[in-house]
């Protein structure tokens, strides 16, 4: 399914849940991490406030897999 964007001429695929592993050595775009984690935008913002390390390059934002894993591990507590 293709959805028109606000600019009119461009099209983009809607985000869908992408189950998969978070690999420590990988670099994830924010939208890809949201999809893999099943997060909404508010969940991402809350994660940033709680200490998720986000790297920016120009207009893009990225998270290292190792940082995502460390953040989730720190939020779940000891098992």
C-alpha atoms as a PDB file:
ATOM      1  CA  UNK A   1       0.000   0.000   0.000  1.00  0.00           C
ATOM      2  CA  UNK A   2       1.409   3.391  -1.016  1.00  0.00           C
ATOM      3  CA  UNK A   3       0.400   6.575   0.777  1.00  0.00           C
ATOM      4  CA  UNK A   4       0.768  10.098  -0.585  1.00  0.00           C
ATOM      5  CA  UNK A   5       2.863  12.447   1.513  1.00  0.00           C
ATOM      6  CA  UNK A   6       2.068  16.101   2.194  1.00  0.00           C
ATOM      7  CA  UNK A   7       4.379  17.246  -0.589  1.00  0.00           C
ATOM      8  CA  UNK A   8       2.068  15.628  -3.095  1.00  0.00           C
ATOM      9  CA  UNK A   9       4.387  14.074  -5.666  1.00  0.00           C
ATOM     10  CA  UNK A  10       6.352  11.775  -3.363  1.00  0.00           C
ATOM     11  CA  UNK A  11       5.074   8.474  -2.031  1.00  0.00           C
ATOM     12  CA  UNK A  12       6.229   6.424   0.908  1.00  0.00           C
ATOM     13  CA  UNK A  13       5.474   3.065   2.437  1.00  0.00           C
ATOM     14  CA  UNK A  14       3.602   3.191   5.749  1.00  0.00           C
ATOM     15  CA  UNK A  15       5.514   1.909   8.757  1.00  0.00           C
ATOM     16  CA  UNK A  16       4.647  -1.628   9.719  1.00  0.00           C
ATOM     17  CA  UNK A  17       5.830  -3.771  12.600  1.00  0.00           C
ATOM     18  CA  UNK A  18       9.082  -5.493  11.601  1.00  0.00           C
ATOM     19  CA  UNK A  19       9.884  -8.271  14.046  1.00  0.00           C
ATOM     20  CA  UNK A  20      13.560  -8.990  14.309  1.00  0.00           C
ATOM     21  CA  UNK A  21      16.663  -9.015  16.338  1.00  0.00           C
ATOM     22  CA  UNK A  22      18.499  -5.941  17.539  1.00  0.00           C
ATOM     23  CA  UNK A  23      22.120  -6.603  16.619  1.00  0.00           C
ATOM     24  CA  UNK A  24      24.660  -4.812  18.861  1.00  0.00           C
ATOM     25  CA  UNK A  25      26.974  -3.950  15.941  1.00  0.00           C
ATOM     26  CA  UNK A  26      24.194  -2.525  13.744  1.00  0.00           C
ATOM     27  CA  UNK A  27      23.147   1.093  13.311  1.00  0.00           C
ATOM     28  CA  UNK A  28      19.371   1.619  13.150  1.00  0.00           C
ATOM     29  CA  UNK A  29      17.408   4.551  11.775  1.00  0.00           C
ATOM     30  CA  UNK A  30      14.863   5.780  14.296  1.00  0.00           C
ATOM     31  CA  UNK A  31      11.874   4.662  12.207  1.00  0.00           C
ATOM     32  CA  UNK A  32      13.348   1.186  11.866  1.00  0.00           C
ATOM     33  CA  UNK A  33      13.980   0.934  15.607  1.00  0.00           C
ATOM     34  CA  UNK A  34      10.404   2.101  16.323  1.00  0.00           C
ATOM     35  CA  UNK A  35       9.069  -0.634  14.060  1.00  0.00           C
ATOM     36  CA  UNK A  36      11.296  -3.341  15.518  1.00  0.00           C
ATOM     37  CA  UNK A  37      10.453  -2.361  19.100  1.00  0.00           C
ATOM     38  CA  UNK A  38       6.757  -1.744  18.419  1.00  0.00           C
ATOM     39  CA  UNK A  39       7.086   1.811  19.761  1.00  0.00           C
ATOM     40  CA  UNK A  40       4.896   4.808  19.037  1.00  0.00           C
ATOM     41  CA  UNK A  41       6.378   8.296  18.831  1.00  0.00           C
ATOM     42  CA  UNK A  42       5.502   8.964  22.492  1.00  0.00           C
ATOM     43  CA  UNK A  43       7.334   5.787  23.540  1.00  0.00           C
ATOM     44  CA  UNK A  44      10.435   6.928  21.661  1.00  0.00           C
ATOM     45  CA  UNK A  45      10.313  10.358  23.307  1.00  0.00           C
ATOM     46  CA  UNK A  46       9.965   8.761  26.739  1.00  0.00           C
ATOM     47  CA  UNK A  47      12.947   6.499  25.989  1.00  0.00           C
ATOM     48  CA  UNK A  48      15.041   9.530  25.021  1.00  0.00           C
ATOM     49  CA  UNK A  49      14.106  11.285  28.265  1.00  0.00           C
ATOM     50  CA  UNK A  50      15.076   8.154  30.209  1.00  0.00           C
ATOM     51  CA  UNK A  51      18.507   7.998  28.587  1.00  0.00           C
ATOM     52  CA  UNK A  52      18.351   6.267  25.172  1.00  0.00           C
ATOM     53  CA  UNK A  53      21.437   7.515  23.324  1.00  0.00           C
ATOM     54  CA  UNK A  54      20.552   8.916  19.891  1.00  0.00           C
ATOM     55  CA  UNK A  55      23.144   9.961  17.324  1.00  0.00           C
ATOM     56  CA  UNK A  56      22.290  12.588  14.723  1.00  0.00           C
ATOM     57  CA  UNK A  57      23.698  13.253  11.293  1.00  0.00           C
ATOM     58  CA  UNK A  58      22.044  16.122   9.478  1.00  0.00           C
ATOM     59  CA  UNK A  59      18.285  15.581   9.664  1.00  0.00           C
ATOM     60  CA  UNK A  60      18.621  11.866  10.384  1.00  0.00           C
ATOM     61  CA  UNK A  61      18.704  10.201  13.782  1.00  0.00           C
ATOM     62  CA  UNK A  62      20.238   6.806  14.521  1.00  0.00           C
ATOM     63  CA  UNK A  63      20.642   4.437  17.460  1.00  0.00           C
ATOM     64  CA  UNK A  64      23.366   1.827  17.800  1.00  0.00           C
ATOM     65  CA  UNK A  65      22.019  -1.648  18.491  1.00  0.00           C
ATOM     66  CA  UNK A  66      24.266  -1.898  21.555  1.00  0.00           C
ATOM     67  CA  UNK A  67      22.779   1.337  22.949  1.00  0.00           C
ATOM     68  CA  UNK A  68      19.220   0.084  22.379  1.00  0.00           C
ATOM     69  CA  UNK A  69      20.004  -3.226  24.107  1.00  0.00           C
ATOM     70  CA  UNK A  70      21.714  -1.476  27.041  1.00  0.00           C
ATOM     71  CA  UNK A  71      18.768   0.893  27.430  1.00  0.00           C
ATOM     72  CA  UNK A  72      16.190  -1.912  27.459  1.00  0.00           C
ATOM     73  CA  UNK A  73      18.316  -3.923  29.894  1.00  0.00           C
ATOM     74  CA  UNK A  74      18.602  -0.932  32.239  1.00  0.00           C
ATOM     75  CA  UNK A  75      14.816  -0.407  32.201  1.00  0.00           C
ATOM     76  CA  UNK A  76      13.822  -4.008  32.912  1.00  0.00           C
ATOM     77  CA  UNK A  77      15.907  -4.461  36.045  1.00  0.00           C
ATOM     78  CA  UNK A  78      17.594  -7.663  37.258  1.00  0.00           C
ATOM     79  CA  UNK A  79      16.118 -10.966  36.123  1.00  0.00           C
END
